[in-house]
Amino acid sequence: MQDTLVGSYLLLLKVTDVSKIKIGKLGELSIKPGFYVYSGSAFGPGGVSARVGRHLRRVKKLRWHIDYLRQRVENACAFIQPNSRSECTYASELIISGGEVAMKGFGSSDCRCKSHLIYFTNLAPIKRFVSDHKMTEFHI
């Protein structure tokens, strides 16, 4: 029997159009062209494979904040850090590395972070972050 892979992940979303989307009870998010990084973790049943696999699917029952955004964005990939519970640290570090809070409270209703959704105008700082943290690209 294979162990379930658990840990932290980054979901990278590329947006090419300007639009607005309602994010559950959180309110309306104005999305603009660029790159959005969502920081999360998966330690429950199915682990990273189940959680990130769900996030990568566009059609699903809307449960988490990221589900609302994901249904409107076609381009997505994920990077993982096994056995790490670092989603809050990653969100803070992404802001320090040049990202901006995309929407206050997004994905962070169970912690004290400003947001777990960080916006970048270009991909370079995200690539550097993933490389510096030795994260692995996730494939289903």
Protein backbone atom coordinates (compact mmCIF):
# COMPACT_ATOMS: atom_id res chain seq x y z
CA MET A 1 0.00 0.00 0.00
CA GLN A 2 1.36 3.43 -0.97
CA ASP A 3 1.50 6.26 1.57
CA THR A 4 -0.59 9.34 0.87
CA LEU A 5 1.52 12.35 -0.11
CA VAL A 6 0.76 15.32 2.15
CA GLY A 7 2.20 18.82 2.26
CA SER A 8 1.97 22.35 0.95
CA TYR A 9 1.33 23.44 -2.60
CA LEU A 10 1.14 26.45 -4.86
CA LEU A 11 -1.51 26.62 -7.56
CA LEU A 12 -0.37 28.86 -10.40
CA LEU A 13 -3.08 30.46 -12.53
CA LYS A 14 -2.46 32.48 -15.67
CA VAL A 15 -5.11 35.08 -16.48
CA THR A 16 -5.32 36.70 -19.90
CA ASP A 17 -8.56 38.73 -19.64
CA VAL A 18 -10.01 41.34 -17.34
CA SER A 19 -13.16 40.28 -15.52
CA LYS A 20 -14.97 40.27 -12.20
CA ILE A 21 -16.07 37.23 -10.27
CA LYS A 22 -18.02 36.76 -7.07
CA ILE A 23 -16.02 34.73 -4.55
CA GLY A 24 -18.66 33.13 -2.31
CA LYS A 25 -19.44 35.33 0.69
CA LEU A 26 -16.08 37.10 0.39
CA GLY A 27 -17.29 39.48 -2.30
CA GLU A 28 -16.27 40.45 -5.81
CA LEU A 29 -12.75 39.98 -7.14
CA SER A 30 -11.55 42.08 -10.06
CA ILE A 31 -9.15 39.87 -11.96
CA LYS A 32 -6.63 41.30 -14.37
CA PRO A 33 -4.11 39.78 -16.74
CA GLY A 34 -1.10 38.28 -15.02
CA PHE A 35 -0.35 35.42 -12.68
CA TYR A 36 -2.16 34.43 -9.52
CA VAL A 37 -0.58 32.09 -6.99
CA TYR A 38 -2.75 30.33 -4.44
CA SER A 39 -0.98 28.85 -1.43
CA GLY A 40 -2.55 25.84 0.29
CA SER A 41 -1.88 22.59 2.07
CA ALA A 42 -3.37 19.12 2.10
CA PHE A 43 -3.11 16.79 5.07
CA GLY A 44 -6.53 15.14 4.97
CA PRO A 45 -7.81 12.06 3.14
CA GLY A 46 -6.25 11.75 -0.31
CA GLY A 47 -3.56 14.32 0.53
CA VAL A 48 -1.99 16.54 -2.10
CA SER A 49 -3.06 14.36 -5.01
CA ALA A 50 -6.76 14.63 -4.17
CA ARG A 51 -6.70 18.32 -3.20
CA VAL A 52 -4.58 19.62 -6.08
CA GLY A 53 -6.32 17.29 -8.52
CA ARG A 54 -9.61 18.86 -7.46
CA HIS A 55 -8.19 22.39 -7.80
CA LEU A 56 -6.94 21.65 -11.31
CA ARG A 57 -10.42 20.54 -12.45
CA ARG A 58 -12.55 23.45 -13.58
CA VAL A 59 -15.98 21.85 -13.19
CA LYS A 60 -16.90 20.93 -9.61
CA LYS A 61 -19.12 21.93 -6.73
CA LEU A 62 -17.91 25.29 -5.41
CA ARG A 63 -16.56 24.79 -1.89
CA TRP A 64 -13.40 26.88 -1.37
CA HIS A 65 -12.56 30.41 -2.49
CA ILE A 66 -10.15 29.07 -5.12
CA ASP A 67 -12.97 27.04 -6.72
CA TYR A 68 -14.73 30.25 -7.78
CA LEU A 69 -11.63 31.65 -9.45
CA ARG A 70 -10.58 28.32 -10.95
CA GLN A 71 -13.81 27.90 -12.91
CA ARG A 72 -12.96 31.09 -14.83
CA VAL A 73 -9.26 30.43 -15.49
CA GLU A 74 -8.14 27.86 -18.05
CA ASN A 75 -4.38 27.79 -17.48
CA ALA A 76 -3.26 26.22 -14.21
CA CYS A 77 -0.46 24.11 -12.80
CA ALA A 78 0.72 23.22 -9.32
CA PHE A 79 3.95 22.91 -7.37
CA ILE A 80 4.27 20.90 -4.18
CA GLN A 81 6.49 20.71 -1.12
CA PRO A 82 5.90 17.30 0.52
CA ASN A 83 5.60 17.03 4.30
CA SER A 84 5.55 20.80 4.74
CA ARG A 85 2.88 22.85 6.45
CA SER A 86 4.04 26.15 4.99
CA GLU A 87 1.12 27.71 3.14
CA CYS A 88 1.02 30.77 5.43
CA THR A 89 4.79 31.25 5.23
CA TYR A 90 4.65 30.88 1.44
CA ALA A 91 1.88 33.47 1.12
CA SER A 92 3.89 35.99 3.19
CA GLU A 93 7.12 35.26 1.31
CA LEU A 94 5.38 35.65 -2.05
CA ILE A 95 4.24 39.13 -1.03
CA ILE A 96 7.78 40.00 0.08
CA SER A 97 9.13 38.73 -3.25
CA GLY A 98 7.09 41.30 -5.17
CA GLY A 99 3.56 39.94 -5.25
CA GLU A 100 0.49 41.80 -4.10
CA VAL A 101 -2.53 40.64 -2.16
CA ALA A 102 -5.14 39.86 -4.80
CA MET A 103 -8.07 39.85 -2.38
CA LYS A 104 -8.01 40.25 1.38
CA GLY A 105 -9.15 37.10 3.19
CA PHE A 106 -8.96 34.84 0.11
CA GLY A 107 -8.19 31.30 1.29
CA SER A 108 -7.16 32.54 4.71
CA SER A 109 -10.36 32.36 6.73
CA ASP A 110 -8.77 29.83 9.10
CA CYS A 111 -5.53 31.75 9.77
CA ARG A 112 -4.26 35.29 10.33
CA CYS A 113 -2.77 35.80 6.86
CA LYS A 114 -3.84 38.76 4.73
CA SER A 115 -4.55 36.40 1.84
CA HIS A 116 -3.43 33.14 0.28
CA LEU A 117 -3.98 34.53 -3.23
CA ILE A 118 -1.07 36.60 -4.49
CA TYR A 119 -0.93 38.46 -7.81
CA PHE A 120 2.13 39.00 -10.03
CA THR A 121 2.41 40.85 -13.34
CA ASN A 122 5.11 38.47 -14.56
CA LEU A 123 6.28 34.92 -14.01
CA ALA A 124 9.96 35.49 -13.10
CA PRO A 125 9.56 35.98 -9.31
CA ILE A 126 7.27 32.94 -9.11
CA LYS A 127 9.78 30.74 -10.95
CA ARG A 128 12.53 31.99 -8.63
CA PHE A 129 10.37 31.26 -5.56
CA VAL A 130 9.57 27.72 -6.71
CA SER A 131 13.24 27.08 -7.49
CA ASP A 132 14.51 28.55 -4.22
CA HIS A 133 12.08 26.36 -2.25
CA LYS A 134 12.92 23.28 -4.33
CA MET A 135 9.25 22.68 -5.08
CA THR A 136 8.24 19.94 -7.52
CA GLU A 137 5.80 20.47 -10.36
CA PHE A 138 2.73 18.34 -9.72
CA HIS A 139 1.15 16.19 -12.41
CA ILE A 140 -2.03 14.17 -12.03
